[in-house]
Amino acid sequence: PPLRGIIGAPALRQDGTVILTPGYDTETRVFYAPDSGLEELQPISDHPSIEEIENARDGLLDLLTNFPFVDDASKANALGLILTPFLRPAFDGPLIDAPQPGTGKDLLGDVAGTLATGGSIPSMTAPSRGDEWRKQITATLKAGQSVVKIGNVDRELKSSELAAVLTTERWEARELGFSHNVVLENRATWIATGNNIKVGN
């Protein structure tokens, strides 16, 4: 059957149900291969009580306790970042900035990635040329990464290739070493980290 990707943690379907059974999910066309330990998760209620909802919220907020957010909106965005990889299979269709070094931007990206994949996520640098962006993006999507981190951005984040991949479900590019194009599903959550990042058009 067609395969959109492999996930290492439960994720949401478009109808709001949760992928909990290991193996191939016909609706989302993803394969759930839980990391060791995740197979022992408590069952998730189809109709959670207020107490279950509050416990889940408090558990997520506990992960953010030591980050120096400047306001509630920044904290809400961080929470959204953590939830995005789990929600990503449910819809078609983040940037971690701080005014100074040492505030935990990369750590926050790692928290989101680790929760979603069950392990550490690799970090790529922001290339300076379009052809390098194209190669990095193609290799990353071909590897099937569900969370991609562009770490320590130290110049303007501006790339037509990056803009294209952030706004498409299917990425087409020439495969390195070959004369033909490859078409890849883009189901990844893209994260960039840096200090006072300036984003291009």
N, C-alpha and C. Protein backbone atom coordinates (compact mmCIF):
# COMPACT_ATOMS: atom_id res chain seq x y z
N PRO A 1 0.84 -1.21 0.00
CA PRO A 1 0.00 0.00 0.00
C PRO A 1 0.87 1.25 0.00
N PRO A 2 0.32 2.39 -0.43
CA PRO A 2 1.12 3.63 -0.43
C PRO A 2 1.52 4.02 0.99
N LEU A 3 2.75 4.50 1.15
CA LEU A 3 3.28 4.84 2.47
C LEU A 3 3.69 6.30 2.49
N ARG A 4 3.05 7.09 3.36
CA ARG A 4 3.39 8.51 3.49
C ARG A 4 4.57 8.73 4.41
N GLY A 5 4.75 7.85 5.38
CA GLY A 5 5.85 8.01 6.30
C GLY A 5 5.75 7.05 7.47
N ILE A 6 6.76 7.11 8.32
CA ILE A 6 6.82 6.27 9.51
C ILE A 6 6.80 7.19 10.73
N ILE A 7 5.96 6.88 11.72
CA ILE A 7 5.89 7.67 12.93
C ILE A 7 6.31 6.81 14.12
N GLY A 8 6.89 7.46 15.13
CA GLY A 8 7.36 6.74 16.30
C GLY A 8 6.54 6.98 17.54
N ALA A 9 5.49 7.79 17.42
CA ALA A 9 4.62 8.10 18.56
C ALA A 9 3.19 8.23 18.03
N PRO A 10 2.18 8.08 18.91
CA PRO A 10 0.79 8.23 18.46
C PRO A 10 0.56 9.57 17.77
N ALA A 11 -0.33 9.59 16.80
CA ALA A 11 -0.64 10.82 16.07
C ALA A 11 -2.13 10.87 15.78
N LEU A 12 -2.58 12.05 15.38
CA LEU A 12 -4.00 12.29 15.17
C LEU A 12 -4.38 12.05 13.71
N ARG A 13 -5.55 11.45 13.50
CA ARG A 13 -6.13 11.33 12.16
C ARG A 13 -7.00 12.56 11.90
N GLN A 14 -7.43 12.73 10.63
CA GLN A 14 -8.26 13.88 10.28
C GLN A 14 -9.61 13.87 10.98
N ASP A 15 -10.11 12.68 11.36
CA ASP A 15 -11.41 12.62 12.03
C ASP A 15 -11.30 12.81 13.54
N GLY A 16 -10.07 13.07 14.03
CA GLY A 16 -9.87 13.33 15.45
C GLY A 16 -9.52 12.10 16.26
N THR A 17 -9.57 10.91 15.67
CA THR A 17 -9.16 9.71 16.39
C THR A 17 -7.64 9.62 16.42
N VAL A 18 -7.12 8.77 17.31
CA VAL A 18 -5.68 8.69 17.52
C VAL A 18 -5.14 7.36 16.99
N ILE A 19 -4.02 7.44 16.30
CA ILE A 19 -3.34 6.23 15.82
C ILE A 19 -2.61 5.62 17.01
N LEU A 20 -3.09 4.48 17.49
CA LEU A 20 -2.51 3.83 18.67
C LEU A 20 -2.02 2.41 18.40
N THR A 21 -2.53 1.79 17.33
CA THR A 21 -2.16 0.41 17.04
C THR A 21 -0.92 0.37 16.16
N PRO A 22 0.15 -0.28 16.62
CA PRO A 22 1.36 -0.38 15.79
C PRO A 22 1.06 -1.03 14.45
N GLY A 23 1.77 -0.58 13.42
CA GLY A 23 1.58 -1.13 12.08
C GLY A 23 1.05 -0.08 11.11
N TYR A 24 0.57 -0.52 9.98
CA TYR A 24 0.11 0.38 8.92
C TYR A 24 -1.29 0.89 9.21
N ASP A 25 -1.47 2.21 9.08
CA ASP A 25 -2.77 2.83 9.27
C ASP A 25 -3.32 3.21 7.91
N THR A 26 -4.40 2.55 7.47
CA THR A 26 -4.91 2.73 6.11
C THR A 26 -5.45 4.14 5.86
N GLU A 27 -6.01 4.78 6.89
CA GLU A 27 -6.60 6.10 6.67
C GLU A 27 -5.54 7.16 6.41
N THR A 28 -4.47 7.19 7.23
CA THR A 28 -3.43 8.21 7.09
C THR A 28 -2.28 7.75 6.20
N ARG A 29 -2.22 6.45 5.91
CA ARG A 29 -1.15 5.85 5.12
C ARG A 29 0.22 6.05 5.76
N VAL A 30 0.25 6.02 7.10
CA VAL A 30 1.52 6.05 7.82
C VAL A 30 1.69 4.73 8.56
N PHE A 31 2.93 4.39 8.84
CA PHE A 31 3.24 3.18 9.58
C PHE A 31 3.68 3.58 10.98
N TYR A 32 2.97 3.10 11.99
CA TYR A 32 3.29 3.43 13.38
C TYR A 32 4.22 2.36 13.94
N ALA A 33 5.46 2.76 14.18
CA ALA A 33 6.47 1.87 14.76
C ALA A 33 6.90 2.48 16.09
N PRO A 34 6.17 2.17 17.18
CA PRO A 34 6.45 2.84 18.45
C PRO A 34 7.83 2.53 19.00
N ASP A 35 8.44 3.56 19.56
CA ASP A 35 9.72 3.38 20.24
C ASP A 35 9.49 2.51 21.47
N SER A 36 10.53 1.79 21.89
CA SER A 36 10.38 0.93 23.08
C SER A 36 9.93 1.78 24.25
N GLY A 37 8.96 1.31 24.98
CA GLY A 37 8.40 2.06 26.11
C GLY A 37 7.07 2.68 25.76
N LEU A 38 6.92 3.14 24.51
CA LEU A 38 5.65 3.73 24.10
C LEU A 38 4.57 2.68 23.94
N GLU A 39 4.98 1.42 23.77
CA GLU A 39 3.98 0.35 23.65
C GLU A 39 3.23 0.15 24.96
N GLU A 40 3.77 0.71 26.06
CA GLU A 40 3.15 0.52 27.37
C GLU A 40 2.33 1.74 27.80
N LEU A 41 2.00 2.63 26.86
CA LEU A 41 1.19 3.81 27.18
C LEU A 41 -0.18 3.39 27.70
N GLN A 42 -0.70 4.19 28.60
CA GLN A 42 -2.06 3.96 29.08
C GLN A 42 -3.04 4.21 27.94
N PRO A 43 -4.16 3.49 27.90
CA PRO A 43 -5.15 3.73 26.85
C PRO A 43 -5.63 5.19 26.87
N ILE A 44 -5.88 5.73 25.69
CA ILE A 44 -6.35 7.11 25.57
C ILE A 44 -7.86 7.08 25.38
N SER A 45 -8.56 7.81 26.23
CA SER A 45 -10.02 7.82 26.19
C SER A 45 -10.53 8.56 24.95
N ASP A 46 -11.57 8.01 24.31
CA ASP A 46 -12.21 8.69 23.19
C ASP A 46 -12.96 9.94 23.64
N HIS A 47 -13.40 9.94 24.91
CA HIS A 47 -14.11 11.08 25.48
C HIS A 47 -13.48 11.40 26.83
N PRO A 48 -12.32 12.09 26.83
CA PRO A 48 -11.60 12.33 28.09
C PRO A 48 -12.38 13.22 29.05
N SER A 49 -12.22 12.92 30.33
CA SER A 49 -12.86 13.73 31.37
C SER A 49 -12.09 15.04 31.54
N ILE A 50 -12.68 15.98 32.26
CA ILE A 50 -12.02 17.25 32.55
C ILE A 50 -10.70 16.99 33.28
N GLU A 51 -10.71 16.03 34.20
CA GLU A 51 -9.50 15.71 34.96
C GLU A 51 -8.40 15.17 34.04
N GLU A 52 -8.76 14.31 33.09
CA GLU A 52 -7.77 13.77 32.16
C GLU A 52 -7.19 14.89 31.28
N ILE A 53 -8.04 15.80 30.85
CA ILE A 53 -7.59 16.92 30.02
C ILE A 53 -6.64 17.81 30.81
N GLU A 54 -6.99 18.12 32.06
CA GLU A 54 -6.15 18.98 32.89
C GLU A 54 -4.81 18.30 33.20
N ASN A 55 -4.83 16.99 33.45
CA ASN A 55 -3.58 16.26 33.70
C ASN A 55 -2.67 16.28 32.48
N ALA A 56 -3.27 16.10 31.30
CA ALA A 56 -2.48 16.13 30.06
C ALA A 56 -1.89 17.52 29.85
N ARG A 57 -2.70 18.56 30.04
CA ARG A 57 -2.22 19.94 29.90
C ARG A 57 -1.08 20.22 30.87
N ASP A 58 -1.27 19.85 32.14
CA ASP A 58 -0.25 20.11 33.16
C ASP A 58 1.05 19.37 32.86
N GLY A 59 0.92 18.15 32.31
CA GLY A 59 2.12 17.39 31.95
C GLY A 59 2.92 18.09 30.86
N LEU A 60 2.23 18.65 29.87
CA LEU A 60 2.92 19.38 28.81
C LEU A 60 3.53 20.68 29.34
N LEU A 61 2.78 21.40 30.16
CA LEU A 61 3.30 22.66 30.71
C LEU A 61 4.49 22.44 31.62
N ASP A 62 4.55 21.29 32.30
CA ASP A 62 5.70 20.97 33.15
C ASP A 62 6.99 20.91 32.34
N LEU A 63 6.88 20.48 31.08
CA LEU A 63 8.07 20.41 30.22
C LEU A 63 8.65 21.80 29.93
N LEU A 64 7.82 22.83 30.06
CA LEU A 64 8.23 24.19 29.70
C LEU A 64 8.57 25.07 30.90
N THR A 65 8.57 24.47 32.09
CA THR A 65 8.73 25.25 33.33
C THR A 65 9.96 26.12 33.36
N ASN A 66 11.11 25.61 32.92
CA ASN A 66 12.37 26.34 33.08
C ASN A 66 12.77 27.19 31.87
N PHE A 67 11.91 27.29 30.87
CA PHE A 67 12.23 28.14 29.73
C PHE A 67 11.83 29.58 30.04
N PRO A 68 12.72 30.57 29.74
CA PRO A 68 12.44 31.97 30.10
C PRO A 68 11.58 32.69 29.05
N PHE A 69 10.30 32.34 28.97
CA PHE A 69 9.42 32.99 28.01
C PHE A 69 9.17 34.44 28.41
N VAL A 70 9.12 35.33 27.39
CA VAL A 70 8.91 36.74 27.69
C VAL A 70 7.43 37.05 27.95
N ASP A 71 6.52 36.21 27.44
CA ASP A 71 5.10 36.45 27.68
C ASP A 71 4.32 35.16 27.46
N ASP A 72 3.02 35.21 27.76
CA ASP A 72 2.17 34.02 27.61
C ASP A 72 2.03 33.58 26.15
N ALA A 73 2.09 34.56 25.22
CA ALA A 73 1.98 34.21 23.80
C ALA A 73 3.16 33.35 23.36
N SER A 74 4.35 33.67 23.84
CA SER A 74 5.54 32.87 23.50
C SER A 74 5.41 31.46 24.06
N LYS A 75 4.89 31.35 25.27
CA LYS A 75 4.68 30.03 25.88
C LYS A 75 3.63 29.25 25.10
N ALA A 76 2.58 29.92 24.65
CA ALA A 76 1.53 29.25 23.86
C ALA A 76 2.10 28.75 22.53
N ASN A 77 2.99 29.54 21.92
CA ASN A 77 3.62 29.11 20.67
C ASN A 77 4.50 27.89 20.89
N ALA A 78 5.20 27.84 22.02
CA ALA A 78 6.04 26.68 22.33
C ALA A 78 5.18 25.43 22.51
N LEU A 79 4.04 25.61 23.16
CA LEU A 79 3.12 24.49 23.35
C LEU A 79 2.58 24.02 22.00
N GLY A 80 2.29 24.97 21.13
CA GLY A 80 1.85 24.63 19.77
C GLY A 80 2.91 23.86 19.01
N LEU A 81 4.17 24.25 19.20
CA LEU A 81 5.27 23.56 18.55
C LEU A 81 5.34 22.11 19.00
N ILE A 82 5.20 21.87 20.30
CA ILE A 82 5.26 20.51 20.84
C ILE A 82 4.12 19.65 20.29
N LEU A 83 2.94 20.25 20.13
CA LEU A 83 1.77 19.49 19.66
C LEU A 83 1.76 19.27 18.14
N THR A 84 2.43 20.14 17.39
CA THR A 84 2.36 20.08 15.92
C THR A 84 2.76 18.74 15.32
N PRO A 85 3.88 18.11 15.73
CA PRO A 85 4.21 16.82 15.10
C PRO A 85 3.15 15.75 15.30
N PHE A 86 2.40 15.81 16.40
CA PHE A 86 1.34 14.83 16.65
C PHE A 86 0.10 15.14 15.82
N LEU A 87 -0.12 16.42 15.56
CA LEU A 87 -1.29 16.84 14.80
C LEU A 87 -1.04 16.84 13.30
N ARG A 88 0.24 16.84 12.89
CA ARG A 88 0.60 17.00 11.48
C ARG A 88 -0.10 16.02 10.54
N PRO A 89 -0.22 14.72 10.88
CA PRO A 89 -0.91 13.82 9.95
C PRO A 89 -2.38 14.16 9.75
N ALA A 90 -2.95 14.98 10.63
CA ALA A 90 -4.38 15.26 10.56
C ALA A 90 -4.73 16.42 9.63
N PHE A 91 -3.73 17.19 9.19
CA PHE A 91 -4.07 18.31 8.31
C PHE A 91 -3.09 18.42 7.16
N ASP A 92 -3.54 19.12 6.09
CA ASP A 92 -2.69 19.33 4.93
C ASP A 92 -2.00 20.69 5.06
N GLY A 93 -1.19 20.72 4.41
CA GLY A 93 -0.70 22.04 4.39
C GLY A 93 0.73 22.47 4.51
N PRO A 94 7.80 25.95 12.29
CA PRO A 94 7.83 26.96 13.36
C PRO A 94 9.21 27.59 13.59
N LEU A 95 9.15 28.38 13.97
CA LEU A 95 10.34 29.20 14.15
C LEU A 95 10.52 29.49 15.64
N ILE A 96 11.69 29.15 16.23
CA ILE A 96 11.95 29.40 17.65
C ILE A 96 12.97 30.52 17.74
N ASP A 97 12.52 31.68 18.17
CA ASP A 97 13.37 32.86 18.20
C ASP A 97 13.53 33.33 19.64
N ALA A 98 14.65 33.96 19.94
CA ALA A 98 14.89 34.52 21.26
C ALA A 98 15.79 35.73 21.10
N PRO A 99 15.70 36.69 22.05
CA PRO A 99 16.51 37.90 21.93
C PRO A 99 17.97 37.70 22.30
N GLN A 100 18.32 36.58 22.94
CA GLN A 100 19.71 36.37 23.38
C GLN A 100 20.05 34.89 23.43
N PRO A 101 21.36 34.56 23.42
CA PRO A 101 21.77 33.16 23.49
C PRO A 101 21.49 32.57 24.87
N GLY A 102 21.51 31.24 24.95
CA GLY A 102 21.43 30.55 26.23
C GLY A 102 20.04 30.42 26.82
N THR A 103 19.00 30.62 26.00
CA THR A 103 17.64 30.54 26.53
C THR A 103 17.00 29.18 26.28
N GLY A 104 17.67 28.29 25.57
CA GLY A 104 17.16 26.93 25.38
C GLY A 104 16.37 26.70 24.11
N LYS A 105 16.65 27.50 23.05
CA LYS A 105 15.90 27.35 21.80
C LYS A 105 16.08 25.95 21.19
N ASP A 106 17.34 25.52 21.07
CA ASP A 106 17.59 24.20 20.50
C ASP A 106 17.03 23.10 21.39
N LEU A 107 17.11 23.30 22.70
CA LEU A 107 16.56 22.32 23.63
C LEU A 107 15.05 22.19 23.44
N LEU A 108 14.37 23.33 23.27
CA LEU A 108 12.93 23.30 23.05
C LEU A 108 12.60 22.55 21.76
N GLY A 109 13.38 22.80 20.70
CA GLY A 109 13.19 22.06 19.46
C GLY A 109 13.41 20.57 19.66
N ASP A 110 14.42 20.22 20.46
CA ASP A 110 14.70 18.82 20.76
C ASP A 110 13.58 18.18 21.57
N VAL A 111 12.99 18.95 22.50
CA VAL A 111 11.86 18.42 23.30
C VAL A 111 10.72 18.03 22.37
N ALA A 112 10.38 18.93 21.44
CA ALA A 112 9.28 18.65 20.50
C ALA A 112 9.62 17.44 19.64
N GLY A 113 10.84 17.38 19.15
CA GLY A 113 11.24 16.28 18.28
C GLY A 113 11.30 14.96 19.00
N THR A 114 11.82 14.96 20.23
CA THR A 114 11.94 13.72 21.00
C THR A 114 10.57 13.17 21.37
N LEU A 115 9.66 14.05 21.77
CA LEU A 115 8.31 13.58 22.09
C LEU A 115 7.64 12.96 20.87
N ALA A 116 7.89 13.53 19.70
CA ALA A 116 7.22 13.06 18.49
C ALA A 116 7.84 11.81 17.90
N THR A 117 9.15 11.64 18.08
CA THR A 117 9.84 10.53 17.41
C THR A 117 10.34 9.48 18.37
N GLY A 118 10.43 9.78 19.65
CA GLY A 118 10.95 8.83 20.62
C GLY A 118 12.47 8.86 20.71
N GLY A 119 13.11 9.70 19.95
CA GLY A 119 14.58 9.80 19.98
C GLY A 119 15.03 11.19 19.62
N SER A 120 16.34 11.40 19.54
CA SER A 120 16.86 12.72 19.20
C SER A 120 16.66 12.98 17.71
N ILE A 121 16.56 14.27 17.36
CA ILE A 121 16.39 14.63 15.95
C ILE A 121 17.67 15.29 15.45
N PRO A 122 18.06 14.99 14.21
CA PRO A 122 19.27 15.63 13.68
C PRO A 122 19.01 17.11 13.39
N SER A 123 20.07 17.89 13.43
CA SER A 123 19.97 19.32 13.16
C SER A 123 20.77 19.64 11.91
N MET A 124 20.16 20.37 10.99
CA MET A 124 20.89 20.80 9.81
C MET A 124 21.16 22.29 9.89
N THR A 125 22.14 22.78 9.14
CA THR A 125 22.42 24.21 9.11
C THR A 125 21.68 24.82 7.92
N ALA A 126 21.54 26.14 7.95
CA ALA A 126 20.87 26.83 6.85
C ALA A 126 21.89 27.09 5.74
N PRO A 127 21.76 26.44 4.58
CA PRO A 127 22.69 26.67 3.48
C PRO A 127 22.61 28.11 2.98
N SER A 128 23.62 28.54 2.26
CA SER A 128 23.61 29.91 1.74
C SER A 128 23.17 29.97 0.28
N ARG A 129 23.17 28.82 -0.41
CA ARG A 129 22.82 28.81 -1.83
C ARG A 129 21.60 27.94 -2.08
N GLY A 130 20.85 28.29 -3.13
CA GLY A 130 19.63 27.58 -3.47
C GLY A 130 19.83 26.12 -3.79
N ASP A 131 20.90 25.79 -4.54
CA ASP A 131 21.12 24.39 -4.89
C ASP A 131 21.43 23.55 -3.66
N GLU A 132 22.10 24.14 -2.65
CA GLU A 132 22.38 23.42 -1.41
C GLU A 132 21.10 23.20 -0.60
N TRP A 133 20.21 24.21 -0.58
CA TRP A 133 18.91 24.06 0.07
C TRP A 133 18.16 22.88 -0.57
N ARG A 134 18.16 22.86 -1.92
CA ARG A 134 17.43 21.83 -2.64
C ARG A 134 17.96 20.44 -2.29
N LYS A 135 19.28 20.30 -2.24
CA LYS A 135 19.89 19.00 -1.90
C LYS A 135 19.54 18.58 -0.47
N GLN A 136 19.65 19.54 0.49
CA GLN A 136 19.36 19.24 1.90
C GLN A 136 17.90 18.83 2.07
N ILE A 137 17.00 19.60 1.47
CA ILE A 137 15.57 19.32 1.60
C ILE A 137 15.24 17.95 1.02
N THR A 138 15.76 17.68 -0.17
CA THR A 138 15.47 16.40 -0.84
C THR A 138 15.99 15.23 -0.01
N ALA A 139 17.22 15.33 0.48
CA ALA A 139 17.80 14.24 1.28
C ALA A 139 17.02 14.04 2.57
N THR A 140 16.60 15.14 3.19
CA THR A 140 15.85 15.07 4.45
C THR A 140 14.50 14.39 4.25
N LEU A 141 13.77 14.79 3.22
CA LEU A 141 12.46 14.19 2.95
C LEU A 141 12.60 12.74 2.51
N LYS A 142 13.66 12.44 1.76
CA LYS A 142 13.87 11.05 1.31
C LYS A 142 14.16 10.15 2.50
N ALA A 143 14.81 10.71 3.54
CA ALA A 143 15.10 9.92 4.75
C ALA A 143 13.85 9.69 5.59
N GLY A 144 12.77 10.43 5.30
CA GLY A 144 11.51 10.22 6.00
C GLY A 144 11.43 10.87 7.37
N GLN A 145 12.23 11.91 7.60
CA GLN A 145 12.20 12.58 8.91
C GLN A 145 10.85 13.24 9.12
N SER A 146 10.26 13.04 10.32
CA SER A 146 8.97 13.65 10.61
C SER A 146 9.13 15.02 11.28
N VAL A 147 10.31 15.26 11.87
CA VAL A 147 10.62 16.57 12.46
C VAL A 147 12.00 16.98 11.95
N VAL A 148 12.09 18.19 11.37
CA VAL A 148 13.34 18.69 10.81
C VAL A 148 13.72 19.97 11.54
N LYS A 149 14.97 20.04 12.03
CA LYS A 149 15.41 21.24 12.76
C LYS A 149 16.56 21.91 12.01
N ILE A 150 16.38 23.20 11.72
CA ILE A 150 17.44 24.03 11.15
C ILE A 150 17.99 24.82 12.32
N GLY A 151 19.18 24.46 12.80
CA GLY A 151 19.69 25.00 14.06
C GLY A 151 20.57 26.22 13.91
N ASN A 152 20.51 27.08 14.92
CA ASN A 152 21.41 28.24 15.06
C ASN A 152 21.50 29.10 13.80
N VAL A 153 20.36 29.54 13.32
CA VAL A 153 20.33 30.41 12.14
C VAL A 153 20.99 31.75 12.51
N ASP A 154 22.07 32.10 11.81
CA ASP A 154 22.83 33.30 12.18
C ASP A 154 22.82 34.37 11.09
N ARG A 155 21.98 34.19 10.09
CA ARG A 155 21.80 35.20 9.05
C ARG A 155 20.34 35.19 8.62
N GLU A 156 19.97 36.08 7.70
CA GLU A 156 18.58 36.13 7.26
C GLU A 156 18.15 34.77 6.73
N LEU A 157 17.03 34.26 7.23
CA LEU A 157 16.49 32.99 6.77
C LEU A 157 15.65 33.28 5.53
N LYS A 158 16.29 33.11 4.37
CA LYS A 158 15.65 33.50 3.11
C LYS A 158 16.03 32.48 2.05
N SER A 159 15.03 31.77 1.55
CA SER A 159 15.28 30.74 0.54
C SER A 159 13.97 30.43 -0.18
N SER A 160 13.99 30.54 -1.50
CA SER A 160 12.78 30.19 -2.25
C SER A 160 12.50 28.70 -2.14
N GLU A 161 13.56 27.88 -2.00
CA GLU A 161 13.38 26.44 -1.85
C GLU A 161 12.72 26.11 -0.51
N LEU A 162 13.16 26.77 0.57
CA LEU A 162 12.55 26.55 1.88
C LEU A 162 11.09 27.02 1.86
N ALA A 163 10.85 28.19 1.26
CA ALA A 163 9.48 28.69 1.17
C ALA A 163 8.59 27.70 0.41
N ALA A 164 9.15 27.08 -0.64
CA ALA A 164 8.37 26.13 -1.43
C ALA A 164 8.02 24.89 -0.62
N VAL A 165 8.99 24.34 0.11
CA VAL A 165 8.72 23.10 0.85
C VAL A 165 7.78 23.34 2.03
N LEU A 166 7.78 24.55 2.58
CA LEU A 166 6.89 24.86 3.70
C LEU A 166 5.44 25.02 3.26
N THR A 167 5.22 25.15 1.96
CA THR A 167 3.86 25.41 1.48
C THR A 167 3.36 24.34 0.52
N THR A 168 4.00 23.16 0.54
CA THR A 168 3.55 22.10 -0.36
C THR A 168 3.51 20.76 0.37
N GLU A 169 2.66 19.89 -0.12
CA GLU A 169 2.61 18.53 0.42
C GLU A 169 3.50 17.58 -0.36
N ARG A 170 3.88 17.98 -1.59
CA ARG A 170 4.73 17.13 -2.43
C ARG A 170 5.90 17.96 -2.95
N TRP A 171 7.10 17.45 -2.73
CA TRP A 171 8.33 18.13 -3.12
C TRP A 171 8.93 17.39 -4.31
N GLU A 172 9.24 18.15 -5.38
CA GLU A 172 9.84 17.54 -6.56
C GLU A 172 11.19 18.19 -6.82
N ALA A 173 12.21 17.37 -6.99
CA ALA A 173 13.55 17.88 -7.27
C ALA A 173 14.37 16.80 -7.95
N ARG A 174 15.45 17.21 -8.60
CA ARG A 174 16.33 16.23 -9.23
C ARG A 174 17.08 15.46 -8.17
N GLU A 175 17.09 14.15 -8.29
CA GLU A 175 17.78 13.31 -7.32
C GLU A 175 19.28 13.39 -7.55
N LEU A 176 20.04 13.62 -6.48
CA LEU A 176 21.48 13.78 -6.56
C LEU A 176 22.13 12.55 -7.20
N GLY A 177 22.96 12.79 -8.23
CA GLY A 177 23.65 11.70 -8.90
C GLY A 177 22.86 11.06 -10.02
N PHE A 178 21.63 11.55 -10.27
CA PHE A 178 20.79 10.98 -11.32
C PHE A 178 20.26 12.11 -12.20
N SER A 179 19.75 11.74 -13.37
CA SER A 179 19.22 12.76 -14.28
C SER A 179 17.70 12.83 -14.24
N HIS A 180 17.09 12.16 -13.26
CA HIS A 180 15.63 12.19 -13.17
C HIS A 180 15.19 12.88 -11.86
N ASN A 181 13.94 13.32 -11.88
CA ASN A 181 13.36 13.96 -10.71
C ASN A 181 12.74 12.92 -9.78
N VAL A 182 12.68 13.28 -8.50
CA VAL A 182 12.02 12.45 -7.51
C VAL A 182 10.92 13.29 -6.88
N VAL A 183 9.77 12.68 -6.62
CA VAL A 183 8.65 13.36 -5.97
C VAL A 183 8.46 12.74 -4.59
N LEU A 184 8.52 13.58 -3.54
CA LEU A 184 8.48 13.10 -2.17
C LEU A 184 7.34 13.75 -1.39
N GLU A 185 6.71 12.97 -0.53
CA GLU A 185 5.66 13.51 0.35
C GLU A 185 6.32 14.39 1.41
N ASN A 186 5.74 15.55 1.68
CA ASN A 186 6.23 16.43 2.75
C ASN A 186 5.23 16.39 3.89
N ARG A 187 5.50 15.55 4.90
CA ARG A 187 4.64 15.46 6.07
C ARG A 187 5.40 15.90 7.32
N ALA A 188 6.49 16.58 7.13
CA ALA A 188 7.37 16.93 8.25
C ALA A 188 6.93 18.21 8.95
N THR A 189 7.34 18.33 10.21
CA THR A 189 7.23 19.58 10.95
C THR A 189 8.61 20.24 10.87
N TRP A 190 8.67 21.47 10.37
CA TRP A 190 9.94 22.17 10.16
C TRP A 190 10.15 23.18 11.28
N ILE A 191 11.32 23.15 11.91
CA ILE A 191 11.66 24.03 13.03
C ILE A 191 12.96 24.76 12.70
N ALA A 192 13.01 26.05 12.99
CA ALA A 192 14.27 26.80 12.87
C ALA A 192 14.53 27.49 14.21
N THR A 193 15.81 27.53 14.61
CA THR A 193 16.18 28.17 15.88
C THR A 193 17.28 29.20 15.63
N GLY A 194 17.27 30.26 16.44
CA GLY A 194 18.31 31.28 16.35
C GLY A 194 17.98 32.48 17.22
N ASN A 195 18.89 33.44 17.26
CA ASN A 195 18.71 34.66 18.03
C ASN A 195 18.31 35.81 17.11
N ASN A 196 17.18 36.45 17.41
CA ASN A 196 16.70 37.58 16.63
C ASN A 196 16.69 37.27 15.14
N ILE A 197 16.08 36.16 14.80
CA ILE A 197 16.08 35.71 13.39
C ILE A 197 15.31 36.70 12.52
N LYS A 198 15.94 37.07 11.40
CA LYS A 198 15.26 37.88 10.41
C LYS A 198 14.80 36.95 9.29
N VAL A 199 13.52 36.96 9.01
CA VAL A 199 12.95 36.05 8.02
C VAL A 199 12.69 36.81 6.73
N GLY A 200 13.14 36.24 5.61
CA GLY A 200 12.91 36.86 4.30
C GLY A 200 11.46 36.78 3.89
N ASN A 201 11.16 37.34 2.71
CA ASN A 201 9.77 37.38 2.24
C ASN A 201 9.20 35.98 2.03
